[in-house]
């Protein structure tokens, strides 16, 4: 498996497990600093890598009346402050090609949402920035179909005259639709995704979602530790976790985010499991 660099973080290729985590939405500087500081310090203690994540705009909410976040201008300022003051790499999602360049001025890793993973212009715009790109596998795609997403990104990098090791791609598994209101994780398929050769991340908390149950998605966050353990045992390079000190008061994904204290405890267990897997 190839490895990629996200700022100073090495992902894949036998590198330490990379944790991409933070609140769903960049609700405030105070929240992001609180969560980012706790996660950074715990990851340092456990020998894990850390990338802070928060969204500035939730453009795919179920209802037009749902809160979307601070928006690009204010949200990117929050991410920049987290990056500067905590000394960590940061990532955020983009939804339109026009957002790529501005986000790349701050974010070390650009994230493509699952529902938009086949949007050619969005993928090409992300690649053209030269930043590493993490694409979440659509809930409607098989792992094998993600090779076409990879091809689009490779073409985008090449068109921007970005070659070799500077072409940096990560793929994220976040569950597949199984009927209505239910996502499943296919671990045979996860192995197929890993076989595509790029570092694979497993989205722990979104995989527990119960989409379409109402104006907001439901969730089964109590199953997050089970899924995270399975993914680490399967050999993923990274885990994606949304977490909040008080999930029930969060602006978005309140039903699936993990409480911050639970996430910190879970990371300790996952570090031990990772050591056992690597030791084998």
C-alpha atoms as a PDB file:
ATOM      1  CA  UNK A   1       0.000   0.000   0.000  1.00  0.00           C
ATOM      2  CA  UNK A   2       1.188   3.480  -0.839  1.00  0.00           C
ATOM      3  CA  UNK A   3       1.579   6.113   1.833  1.00  0.00           C
ATOM      4  CA  UNK A   4       0.690   9.793   1.577  1.00  0.00           C
ATOM      5  CA  UNK A   5       1.672  12.855   3.554  1.00  0.00           C
ATOM      6  CA  UNK A   6      -0.864  15.289   4.978  1.00  0.00           C
ATOM      7  CA  UNK A   7       1.227  18.227   6.104  1.00  0.00           C
ATOM      8  CA  UNK A   8       3.650  16.368   8.393  1.00  0.00           C
ATOM      9  CA  UNK A   9       1.387  13.354   8.960  1.00  0.00           C
ATOM     10  CA  UNK A  10       2.279  10.126   7.176  1.00  0.00           C
ATOM     11  CA  UNK A  11      -0.765   7.979   6.382  1.00  0.00           C
ATOM     12  CA  UNK A  12      -0.545   4.382   5.163  1.00  0.00           C
ATOM     13  CA  UNK A  13       2.431   2.218   4.355  1.00  0.00           C
ATOM     14  CA  UNK A  14       2.828   0.976   7.922  1.00  0.00           C
ATOM     15  CA  UNK A  15       2.710   4.447   9.491  1.00  0.00           C
ATOM     16  CA  UNK A  16       0.979   4.928  12.860  1.00  0.00           C
ATOM     17  CA  UNK A  17      -2.804   4.913  12.793  1.00  0.00           C
ATOM     18  CA  UNK A  18      -4.034   8.353  11.745  1.00  0.00           C
ATOM     19  CA  UNK A  19      -7.051   9.748  13.587  1.00  0.00           C
ATOM     20  CA  UNK A  20      -9.188  12.263  11.687  1.00  0.00           C
ATOM     21  CA  UNK A  21     -11.535  13.661  14.288  1.00  0.00           C
ATOM     22  CA  UNK A  22     -13.403  16.673  15.550  1.00  0.00           C
ATOM     23  CA  UNK A  23     -16.921  18.085  15.781  1.00  0.00           C
ATOM     24  CA  UNK A  24     -19.209  17.744  12.779  1.00  0.00           C
ATOM     25  CA  UNK A  25     -19.474  21.531  12.400  1.00  0.00           C
ATOM     26  CA  UNK A  26     -17.033  24.295  13.311  1.00  0.00           C
ATOM     27  CA  UNK A  27     -19.600  25.761  15.692  1.00  0.00           C
ATOM     28  CA  UNK A  28     -17.136  28.065  17.460  1.00  0.00           C
ATOM     29  CA  UNK A  29     -13.445  28.608  18.023  1.00  0.00           C
ATOM     30  CA  UNK A  30     -13.868  27.573  21.651  1.00  0.00           C
ATOM     31  CA  UNK A  31     -15.465  24.230  20.755  1.00  0.00           C
ATOM     32  CA  UNK A  32     -12.893  23.420  18.093  1.00  0.00           C
ATOM     33  CA  UNK A  33      -9.986  24.297  20.369  1.00  0.00           C
ATOM     34  CA  UNK A  34     -11.401  22.225  23.227  1.00  0.00           C
ATOM     35  CA  UNK A  35     -11.971  19.146  21.085  1.00  0.00           C
ATOM     36  CA  UNK A  36      -8.795  19.549  19.060  1.00  0.00           C
ATOM     37  CA  UNK A  37      -6.583  19.983  22.120  1.00  0.00           C
ATOM     38  CA  UNK A  38      -7.980  16.908  23.865  1.00  0.00           C
ATOM     39  CA  UNK A  39      -7.661  14.715  20.777  1.00  0.00           C
ATOM     40  CA  UNK A  40      -4.190  15.959  19.856  1.00  0.00           C
ATOM     41  CA  UNK A  41      -2.843  15.330  23.342  1.00  0.00           C
ATOM     42  CA  UNK A  42      -4.369  11.864  23.579  1.00  0.00           C
ATOM     43  CA  UNK A  43      -3.048  10.871  20.153  1.00  0.00           C
ATOM     44  CA  UNK A  44       0.450  12.072  21.067  1.00  0.00           C
ATOM     45  CA  UNK A  45       0.343   9.999  24.246  1.00  0.00           C
ATOM     46  CA  UNK A  46      -0.812   6.906  22.336  1.00  0.00           C
ATOM     47  CA  UNK A  47       1.617   7.241  19.429  1.00  0.00           C
ATOM     48  CA  UNK A  48      -1.113   7.992  16.899  1.00  0.00           C
ATOM     49  CA  UNK A  49      -1.163  10.706  14.255  1.00  0.00           C
ATOM     50  CA  UNK A  50      -3.874  13.347  14.395  1.00  0.00           C
ATOM     51  CA  UNK A  51      -5.725  15.492  11.848  1.00  0.00           C
ATOM     52  CA  UNK A  52      -8.423  17.886  13.062  1.00  0.00           C
ATOM     53  CA  UNK A  53     -11.744  17.834  11.185  1.00  0.00           C
ATOM     54  CA  UNK A  54     -14.702  20.205  11.183  1.00  0.00           C
ATOM     55  CA  UNK A  55     -17.089  21.364   8.457  1.00  0.00           C
ATOM     56  CA  UNK A  56     -17.790  25.009   7.693  1.00  0.00           C
ATOM     57  CA  UNK A  57     -20.917  24.203   5.672  1.00  0.00           C
ATOM     58  CA  UNK A  58     -23.235  21.199   5.840  1.00  0.00           C
ATOM     59  CA  UNK A  59     -24.705  21.554   2.370  1.00  0.00           C
ATOM     60  CA  UNK A  60     -26.389  18.132   2.293  1.00  0.00           C
ATOM     61  CA  UNK A  61     -28.737  18.444   5.252  1.00  0.00           C
ATOM     62  CA  UNK A  62     -32.128  16.727   5.055  1.00  0.00           C
ATOM     63  CA  UNK A  63     -34.077  19.948   5.611  1.00  0.00           C
ATOM     64  CA  UNK A  64     -33.508  23.404   4.135  1.00  0.00           C
ATOM     65  CA  UNK A  65     -34.253  24.759   7.624  1.00  0.00           C
ATOM     66  CA  UNK A  66     -31.401  22.831   9.290  1.00  0.00           C
ATOM     67  CA  UNK A  67     -28.363  24.724  10.538  1.00  0.00           C
ATOM     68  CA  UNK A  68     -25.494  24.567   8.068  1.00  0.00           C
ATOM     69  CA  UNK A  69     -22.567  26.052   9.962  1.00  0.00           C
ATOM     70  CA  UNK A  70     -20.592  29.312   9.910  1.00  0.00           C
ATOM     71  CA  UNK A  71     -19.969  29.341   6.148  1.00  0.00           C
ATOM     72  CA  UNK A  72     -16.685  29.339   4.203  1.00  0.00           C
ATOM     73  CA  UNK A  73     -15.252  32.702   5.282  1.00  0.00           C
ATOM     74  CA  UNK A  74     -15.762  32.367   9.032  1.00  0.00           C
ATOM     75  CA  UNK A  75     -15.337  28.589   9.073  1.00  0.00           C
ATOM     76  CA  UNK A  76     -11.961  28.694   7.357  1.00  0.00           C
ATOM     77  CA  UNK A  77     -10.810  31.329   9.845  1.00  0.00           C
ATOM     78  CA  UNK A  78     -11.690  28.932  12.653  1.00  0.00           C
ATOM     79  CA  UNK A  79      -9.764  26.101  10.991  1.00  0.00           C
ATOM     80  CA  UNK A  80      -6.768  28.369  10.443  1.00  0.00           C
ATOM     81  CA  UNK A  81      -6.741  29.300  14.121  1.00  0.00           C
ATOM     82  CA  UNK A  82      -6.909  25.656  15.164  1.00  0.00           C
ATOM     83  CA  UNK A  83      -4.081  24.821  12.780  1.00  0.00           C
ATOM     84  CA  UNK A  84      -1.891  27.678  13.982  1.00  0.00           C
ATOM     85  CA  UNK A  85      -2.478  27.391  17.717  1.00  0.00           C
ATOM     86  CA  UNK A  86      -2.561  23.608  18.063  1.00  0.00           C
ATOM     87  CA  UNK A  87       0.086  22.825  15.455  1.00  0.00           C
ATOM     88  CA  UNK A  88      -2.043  20.127  13.813  1.00  0.00           C
ATOM     89  CA  UNK A  89      -3.070  19.361  10.259  1.00  0.00           C
ATOM     90  CA  UNK A  90      -6.706  20.171   9.460  1.00  0.00           C
ATOM     91  CA  UNK A  91      -9.288  18.908   6.992  1.00  0.00           C
ATOM     92  CA  UNK A  92     -12.722  20.027   5.867  1.00  0.00           C
ATOM     93  CA  UNK A  93     -15.204  19.061   3.175  1.00  0.00           C
ATOM     94  CA  UNK A  94     -15.957  20.974  -0.009  1.00  0.00           C
ATOM     95  CA  UNK A  95     -19.185  20.768  -2.004  1.00  0.00           C
ATOM     96  CA  UNK A  96     -18.573  22.846  -5.126  1.00  0.00           C
ATOM     97  CA  UNK A  97     -15.563  23.225  -7.446  1.00  0.00           C
ATOM     98  CA  UNK A  98     -15.396  26.933  -6.626  1.00  0.00           C
ATOM     99  CA  UNK A  99     -14.715  26.131  -2.955  1.00  0.00           C
ATOM    100  CA  UNK A 100     -11.579  24.073  -3.607  1.00  0.00           C
ATOM    101  CA  UNK A 101      -8.992  26.798  -4.002  1.00  0.00           C
ATOM    102  CA  UNK A 102     -10.047  28.798  -0.927  1.00  0.00           C
ATOM    103  CA  UNK A 103     -10.275  25.701   1.266  1.00  0.00           C
ATOM    104  CA  UNK A 104      -6.836  24.557   0.087  1.00  0.00           C
ATOM    105  CA  UNK A 105      -5.326  27.779   1.417  1.00  0.00           C
ATOM    106  CA  UNK A 106      -6.111  26.521   4.926  1.00  0.00           C
ATOM    107  CA  UNK A 107      -6.857  22.787   4.859  1.00  0.00           C
ATOM    108  CA  UNK A 108      -4.051  20.243   4.578  1.00  0.00           C
ATOM    109  CA  UNK A 109      -6.484  17.606   3.297  1.00  0.00           C
ATOM    110  CA  UNK A 110      -9.586  18.211   1.188  1.00  0.00           C
ATOM    111  CA  UNK A 111     -12.547  15.933   1.857  1.00  0.00           C
ATOM    112  CA  UNK A 112     -15.133  15.015  -0.781  1.00  0.00           C
ATOM    113  CA  UNK A 113     -18.513  14.020   0.746  1.00  0.00           C
ATOM    114  CA  UNK A 114     -19.892  10.587  -0.076  1.00  0.00           C
ATOM    115  CA  UNK A 115     -22.929  11.897  -1.959  1.00  0.00           C
ATOM    116  CA  UNK A 116     -20.586  13.904  -4.220  1.00  0.00           C
ATOM    117  CA  UNK A 117     -17.885  11.301  -4.825  1.00  0.00           C
ATOM    118  CA  UNK A 118     -18.683  10.969  -8.544  1.00  0.00           C
ATOM    119  CA  UNK A 119     -18.852  14.711  -9.278  1.00  0.00           C
ATOM    120  CA  UNK A 120     -16.132  15.002 -11.893  1.00  0.00           C
ATOM    121  CA  UNK A 121     -15.671  18.782 -11.764  1.00  0.00           C
ATOM    122  CA  UNK A 122     -15.433  18.711  -7.968  1.00  0.00           C
ATOM    123  CA  UNK A 123     -12.804  15.958  -8.024  1.00  0.00           C
ATOM    124  CA  UNK A 124     -10.768  17.721 -10.707  1.00  0.00           C
ATOM    125  CA  UNK A 125     -10.898  21.023  -8.837  1.00  0.00           C
ATOM    126  CA  UNK A 126      -9.735  19.374  -5.618  1.00  0.00           C
ATOM    127  CA  UNK A 127      -6.836  17.647  -7.380  1.00  0.00           C
ATOM    128  CA  UNK A 128      -5.837  20.872  -9.149  1.00  0.00           C
ATOM    129  CA  UNK A 129      -5.027  22.466  -5.767  1.00  0.00           C
ATOM    130  CA  UNK A 130      -2.213  19.987  -5.256  1.00  0.00           C
ATOM    131  CA  UNK A 131      -3.469  19.140  -1.780  1.00  0.00           C
ATOM    132  CA  UNK A 132      -4.154  15.516  -0.807  1.00  0.00           C
ATOM    133  CA  UNK A 133      -7.760  14.508  -1.366  1.00  0.00           C
ATOM    134  CA  UNK A 134      -9.861  12.168   0.790  1.00  0.00           C
ATOM    135  CA  UNK A 135     -12.950  10.838  -0.989  1.00  0.00           C
ATOM    136  CA  UNK A 136     -15.721   9.175   0.972  1.00  0.00           C
ATOM    137  CA  UNK A 137     -17.151   6.191  -0.878  1.00  0.00           C
ATOM    138  CA  UNK A 138     -20.736   6.843  -1.848  1.00  0.00           C
ATOM    139  CA  UNK A 139     -23.352   4.815  -0.010  1.00  0.00           C
ATOM    140  CA  UNK A 140     -24.550   3.743  -3.464  1.00  0.00           C
ATOM    141  CA  UNK A 141     -21.180   2.527  -4.816  1.00  0.00           C
ATOM    142  CA  UNK A 142     -19.338  -0.759  -4.598  1.00  0.00           C
ATOM    143  CA  UNK A 143     -15.686  -0.639  -3.531  1.00  0.00           C
ATOM    144  CA  UNK A 144     -14.647  -1.664  -7.045  1.00  0.00           C
ATOM    145  CA  UNK A 145     -16.370   1.377  -8.537  1.00  0.00           C
ATOM    146  CA  UNK A 146     -14.121   3.674  -6.533  1.00  0.00           C
ATOM    147  CA  UNK A 147     -11.354   2.933  -9.048  1.00  0.00           C
ATOM    148  CA  UNK A 148     -13.090   5.357 -11.402  1.00  0.00           C
ATOM    149  CA  UNK A 149     -13.003   8.035  -8.720  1.00  0.00           C
ATOM    150  CA  UNK A 150      -9.280   7.388  -8.333  1.00  0.00           C
ATOM    151  CA  UNK A 151      -8.805   7.669 -12.096  1.00  0.00           C
ATOM    152  CA  UNK A 152     -10.527  11.061 -12.147  1.00  0.00           C
ATOM    153  CA  UNK A 153      -8.293  12.337  -9.375  1.00  0.00           C
ATOM    154  CA  UNK A 154      -5.174  11.004 -11.071  1.00  0.00           C
ATOM    155  CA  UNK A 155      -6.222  12.775 -14.264  1.00  0.00           C
ATOM    156  CA  UNK A 156      -6.842  15.959 -12.291  1.00  0.00           C
ATOM    157  CA  UNK A 157      -3.409  15.822 -10.700  1.00  0.00           C
ATOM    158  CA  UNK A 158      -1.798  15.125 -14.075  1.00  0.00           C
ATOM    159  CA  UNK A 159      -3.643  18.002 -15.760  1.00  0.00           C
ATOM    160  CA  UNK A 160      -2.300  20.330 -13.082  1.00  0.00           C
ATOM    161  CA  UNK A 161       1.202  18.947 -13.723  1.00  0.00           C
ATOM    162  CA  UNK A 162       1.255  17.219 -10.344  1.00  0.00           C
ATOM    163  CA  UNK A 163       2.981  13.866 -10.645  1.00  0.00           C
ATOM    164  CA  UNK A 164       4.481  10.990  -8.726  1.00  0.00           C
ATOM    165  CA  UNK A 165       4.372  11.095  -4.946  1.00  0.00           C
ATOM    166  CA  UNK A 166       2.636  14.470  -5.061  1.00  0.00           C
ATOM    167  CA  UNK A 167      -0.512  12.681  -6.211  1.00  0.00           C
ATOM    168  CA  UNK A 168      -2.027  11.912  -2.826  1.00  0.00           C
ATOM    169  CA  UNK A 169      -5.349  10.121  -2.478  1.00  0.00           C
ATOM    170  CA  UNK A 170      -7.206   8.623   0.458  1.00  0.00           C
ATOM    171  CA  UNK A 171     -10.438   6.629   0.269  1.00  0.00           C
ATOM    172  CA  UNK A 172     -12.959   6.454   3.101  1.00  0.00           C
ATOM    173  CA  UNK A 173     -15.513   3.735   3.803  1.00  0.00           C
ATOM    174  CA  UNK A 174     -18.684   5.032   5.467  1.00  0.00           C
ATOM    175  CA  UNK A 175     -21.277   2.322   4.964  1.00  0.00           C
ATOM    176  CA  UNK A 176     -23.523   1.188   2.133  1.00  0.00           C
ATOM    177  CA  UNK A 177     -27.292   1.572   1.877  1.00  0.00           C
ATOM    178  CA  UNK A 178     -29.188  -1.588   2.835  1.00  0.00           C
ATOM    179  CA  UNK A 179     -32.810  -0.787   2.210  1.00  0.00           C
ATOM    180  CA  UNK A 180     -34.203   2.366   3.779  1.00  0.00           C
ATOM    181  CA  UNK A 181     -32.821   3.979   6.969  1.00  0.00           C
ATOM    182  CA  UNK A 182     -29.970   1.517   7.360  1.00  0.00           C
ATOM    183  CA  UNK A 183     -26.259   1.450   6.516  1.00  0.00           C
ATOM    184  CA  UNK A 184     -24.080  -1.638   6.598  1.00  0.00           C
ATOM    185  CA  UNK A 185     -20.309  -2.037   6.492  1.00  0.00           C
ATOM    186  CA  UNK A 186     -19.070  -4.766   4.193  1.00  0.00           C
ATOM    187  CA  UNK A 187     -15.681  -5.814   5.536  1.00  0.00           C
ATOM    188  CA  UNK A 188     -14.997  -8.049   2.549  1.00  0.00           C
ATOM    189  CA  UNK A 189     -15.577  -4.923   0.475  1.00  0.00           C
ATOM    190  CA  UNK A 190     -13.347  -2.953   2.835  1.00  0.00           C
ATOM    191  CA  UNK A 191     -10.558  -5.349   1.916  1.00  0.00           C
ATOM    192  CA  UNK A 192     -11.314  -4.721  -1.764  1.00  0.00           C
ATOM    193  CA  UNK A 193     -11.062  -0.979  -1.148  1.00  0.00           C
ATOM    194  CA  UNK A 194      -7.688  -1.462   0.539  1.00  0.00           C
ATOM    195  CA  UNK A 195      -6.575  -3.501  -2.481  1.00  0.00           C
ATOM    196  CA  UNK A 196      -6.955  -0.429  -4.707  1.00  0.00           C
ATOM    197  CA  UNK A 197      -3.608   0.581  -3.241  1.00  0.00           C
ATOM    198  CA  UNK A 198      -4.307   3.949  -1.622  1.00  0.00           C
ATOM    199  CA  UNK A 199      -4.581   4.510   2.137  1.00  0.00           C
ATOM    200  CA  UNK A 200      -8.078   3.680   3.394  1.00  0.00           C
ATOM    201  CA  UNK A 201      -9.880   5.486   6.193  1.00  0.00           C
ATOM    202  CA  UNK A 202     -12.903   4.079   8.016  1.00  0.00           C
ATOM    203  CA  UNK A 203     -15.635   6.527   8.993  1.00  0.00           C
ATOM    204  CA  UNK A 204     -16.641   5.228  12.402  1.00  0.00           C
ATOM    205  CA  UNK A 205     -19.494   7.535  13.351  1.00  0.00           C
ATOM    206  CA  UNK A 206     -21.234   8.125  10.021  1.00  0.00           C
ATOM    207  CA  UNK A 207     -21.358   4.359   9.583  1.00  0.00           C
ATOM    208  CA  UNK A 208     -23.709   4.244  12.568  1.00  0.00           C
ATOM    209  CA  UNK A 209     -26.175   6.695  11.029  1.00  0.00           C
ATOM    210  CA  UNK A 210     -29.822   5.897  10.370  1.00  0.00           C
ATOM    211  CA  UNK A 211     -30.448   8.215   7.408  1.00  0.00           C
ATOM    212  CA  UNK A 212     -33.837   9.406   6.289  1.00  0.00           C
ATOM    213  CA  UNK A 213     -35.703   8.778   9.529  1.00  0.00           C
ATOM    214  CA  UNK A 214     -36.959  12.369   9.661  1.00  0.00           C
ATOM    215  CA  UNK A 215     -35.691  15.903   9.274  1.00  0.00           C
ATOM    216  CA  UNK A 216     -32.413  14.763  10.818  1.00  0.00           C
ATOM    217  CA  UNK A 217     -30.635  11.420  10.599  1.00  0.00           C
ATOM    218  CA  UNK A 218     -30.816   9.004  13.483  1.00  0.00           C
ATOM    219  CA  UNK A 219     -27.882   6.976  14.723  1.00  0.00           C
ATOM    220  CA  UNK A 220     -26.532   4.047  16.740  1.00  0.00           C
ATOM    221  CA  UNK A 221     -23.374   5.571  18.268  1.00  0.00           C
ATOM    222  CA  UNK A 222     -23.162   2.780  20.830  1.00  0.00           C
ATOM    223  CA  UNK A 223     -21.993   0.569  17.931  1.00  0.00           C
ATOM    224  CA  UNK A 224     -19.119   2.887  17.009  1.00  0.00           C
ATOM    225  CA  UNK A 225     -16.533   1.094  19.215  1.00  0.00           C
ATOM    226  CA  UNK A 226     -17.461  -2.236  17.619  1.00  0.00           C
ATOM    227  CA  UNK A 227     -17.044  -0.874  14.089  1.00  0.00           C
ATOM    228  CA  UNK A 228     -13.824   0.943  14.933  1.00  0.00           C
ATOM    229  CA  UNK A 229     -12.307  -2.217  16.404  1.00  0.00           C
ATOM    230  CA  UNK A 230     -13.254  -4.247  13.334  1.00  0.00           C
ATOM    231  CA  UNK A 231     -11.748  -1.643  11.016  1.00  0.00           C
ATOM    232  CA  UNK A 232      -8.466  -1.501  12.926  1.00  0.00           C
ATOM    233  CA  UNK A 233      -8.284  -5.290  12.919  1.00  0.00           C
ATOM    234  CA  UNK A 234      -8.892  -5.212   9.151  1.00  0.00           C
ATOM    235  CA  UNK A 235      -5.839  -3.017   8.677  1.00  0.00           C
ATOM    236  CA  UNK A 236      -7.128   0.434   7.753  1.00  0.00           C
ATOM    237  CA  UNK A 237      -4.665   3.317   7.763  1.00  0.00           C
ATOM    238  CA  UNK A 238      -6.945   5.845   9.414  1.00  0.00           C
ATOM    239  CA  UNK A 239     -10.154   6.321  11.384  1.00  0.00           C
ATOM    240  CA  UNK A 240     -12.636   9.178  11.005  1.00  0.00           C
ATOM    241  CA  UNK A 241     -14.568  10.062  14.159  1.00  0.00           C
ATOM    242  CA  UNK A 242     -16.946  12.941  14.801  1.00  0.00           C
ATOM    243  CA  UNK A 243     -17.059  13.858  18.467  1.00  0.00           C
ATOM    244  CA  UNK A 244     -18.471  16.594  20.686  1.00  0.00           C
ATOM    245  CA  UNK A 245     -18.454  17.313  24.433  1.00  0.00           C
ATOM    246  CA  UNK A 246     -22.278  17.338  24.388  1.00  0.00           C
ATOM    247  CA  UNK A 247     -23.550  15.630  21.225  1.00  0.00           C
ATOM    248  CA  UNK A 248     -27.201  16.255  22.066  1.00  0.00           C
ATOM    249  CA  UNK A 249     -26.522  19.990  21.790  1.00  0.00           C
ATOM    250  CA  UNK A 250     -24.512  19.774  18.552  1.00  0.00           C
ATOM    251  CA  UNK A 251     -25.502  21.728  15.471  1.00  0.00           C
ATOM    252  CA  UNK A 252     -25.334  18.634  13.229  1.00  0.00           C
ATOM    253  CA  UNK A 253     -25.138  14.832  13.521  1.00  0.00           C
ATOM    254  CA  UNK A 254     -26.190  14.925  17.155  1.00  0.00           C
ATOM    255  CA  UNK A 255     -27.564  11.377  16.923  1.00  0.00           C
ATOM    256  CA  UNK A 256     -24.340   9.756  15.713  1.00  0.00           C
ATOM    257  CA  UNK A 257     -21.444  11.733  17.213  1.00  0.00           C
ATOM    258  CA  UNK A 258     -19.554  10.252  20.134  1.00  0.00           C
ATOM    259  CA  UNK A 259     -19.174  12.150  23.402  1.00  0.00           C
ATOM    260  CA  UNK A 260     -15.630  13.485  23.650  1.00  0.00           C
ATOM    261  CA  UNK A 261     -14.848  11.542  26.824  1.00  0.00           C
ATOM    262  CA  UNK A 262     -15.974   8.304  25.125  1.00  0.00           C
ATOM    263  CA  UNK A 263     -13.778   9.010  22.115  1.00  0.00           C
ATOM    264  CA  UNK A 264     -10.709   9.570  24.279  1.00  0.00           C
ATOM    265  CA  UNK A 265     -11.337   6.280  26.059  1.00  0.00           C
ATOM    266  CA  UNK A 266     -11.947   4.464  22.767  1.00  0.00           C
ATOM    267  CA  UNK A 267      -8.640   5.672  21.339  1.00  0.00           C
ATOM    268  CA  UNK A 268      -6.774   3.952  24.162  1.00  0.00           C
ATOM    269  CA  UNK A 269      -8.420   0.632  23.337  1.00  0.00           C
ATOM    270  CA  UNK A 270      -7.802   1.059  19.631  1.00  0.00           C
ATOM    271  CA  UNK A 271      -4.127   1.829  20.214  1.00  0.00           C
ATOM    272  CA  UNK A 272      -3.709  -1.490  22.009  1.00  0.00           C
ATOM    273  CA  UNK A 273      -5.555  -3.298  19.234  1.00  0.00           C
ATOM    274  CA  UNK A 274      -3.446  -1.626  16.560  1.00  0.00           C
ATOM    275  CA  UNK A 275      -0.279  -2.719  18.369  1.00  0.00           C
ATOM    276  CA  UNK A 276      -1.555  -6.290  18.416  1.00  0.00           C
ATOM    277  CA  UNK A 277      -2.421  -6.207  14.706  1.00  0.00           C
ATOM    278  CA  UNK A 278       0.936  -4.741  13.715  1.00  0.00           C
ATOM    279  CA  UNK A 279       2.689  -7.239  15.970  1.00  0.00           C
ATOM    280  CA  UNK A 280       1.075 -10.100  14.058  1.00  0.00           C
END
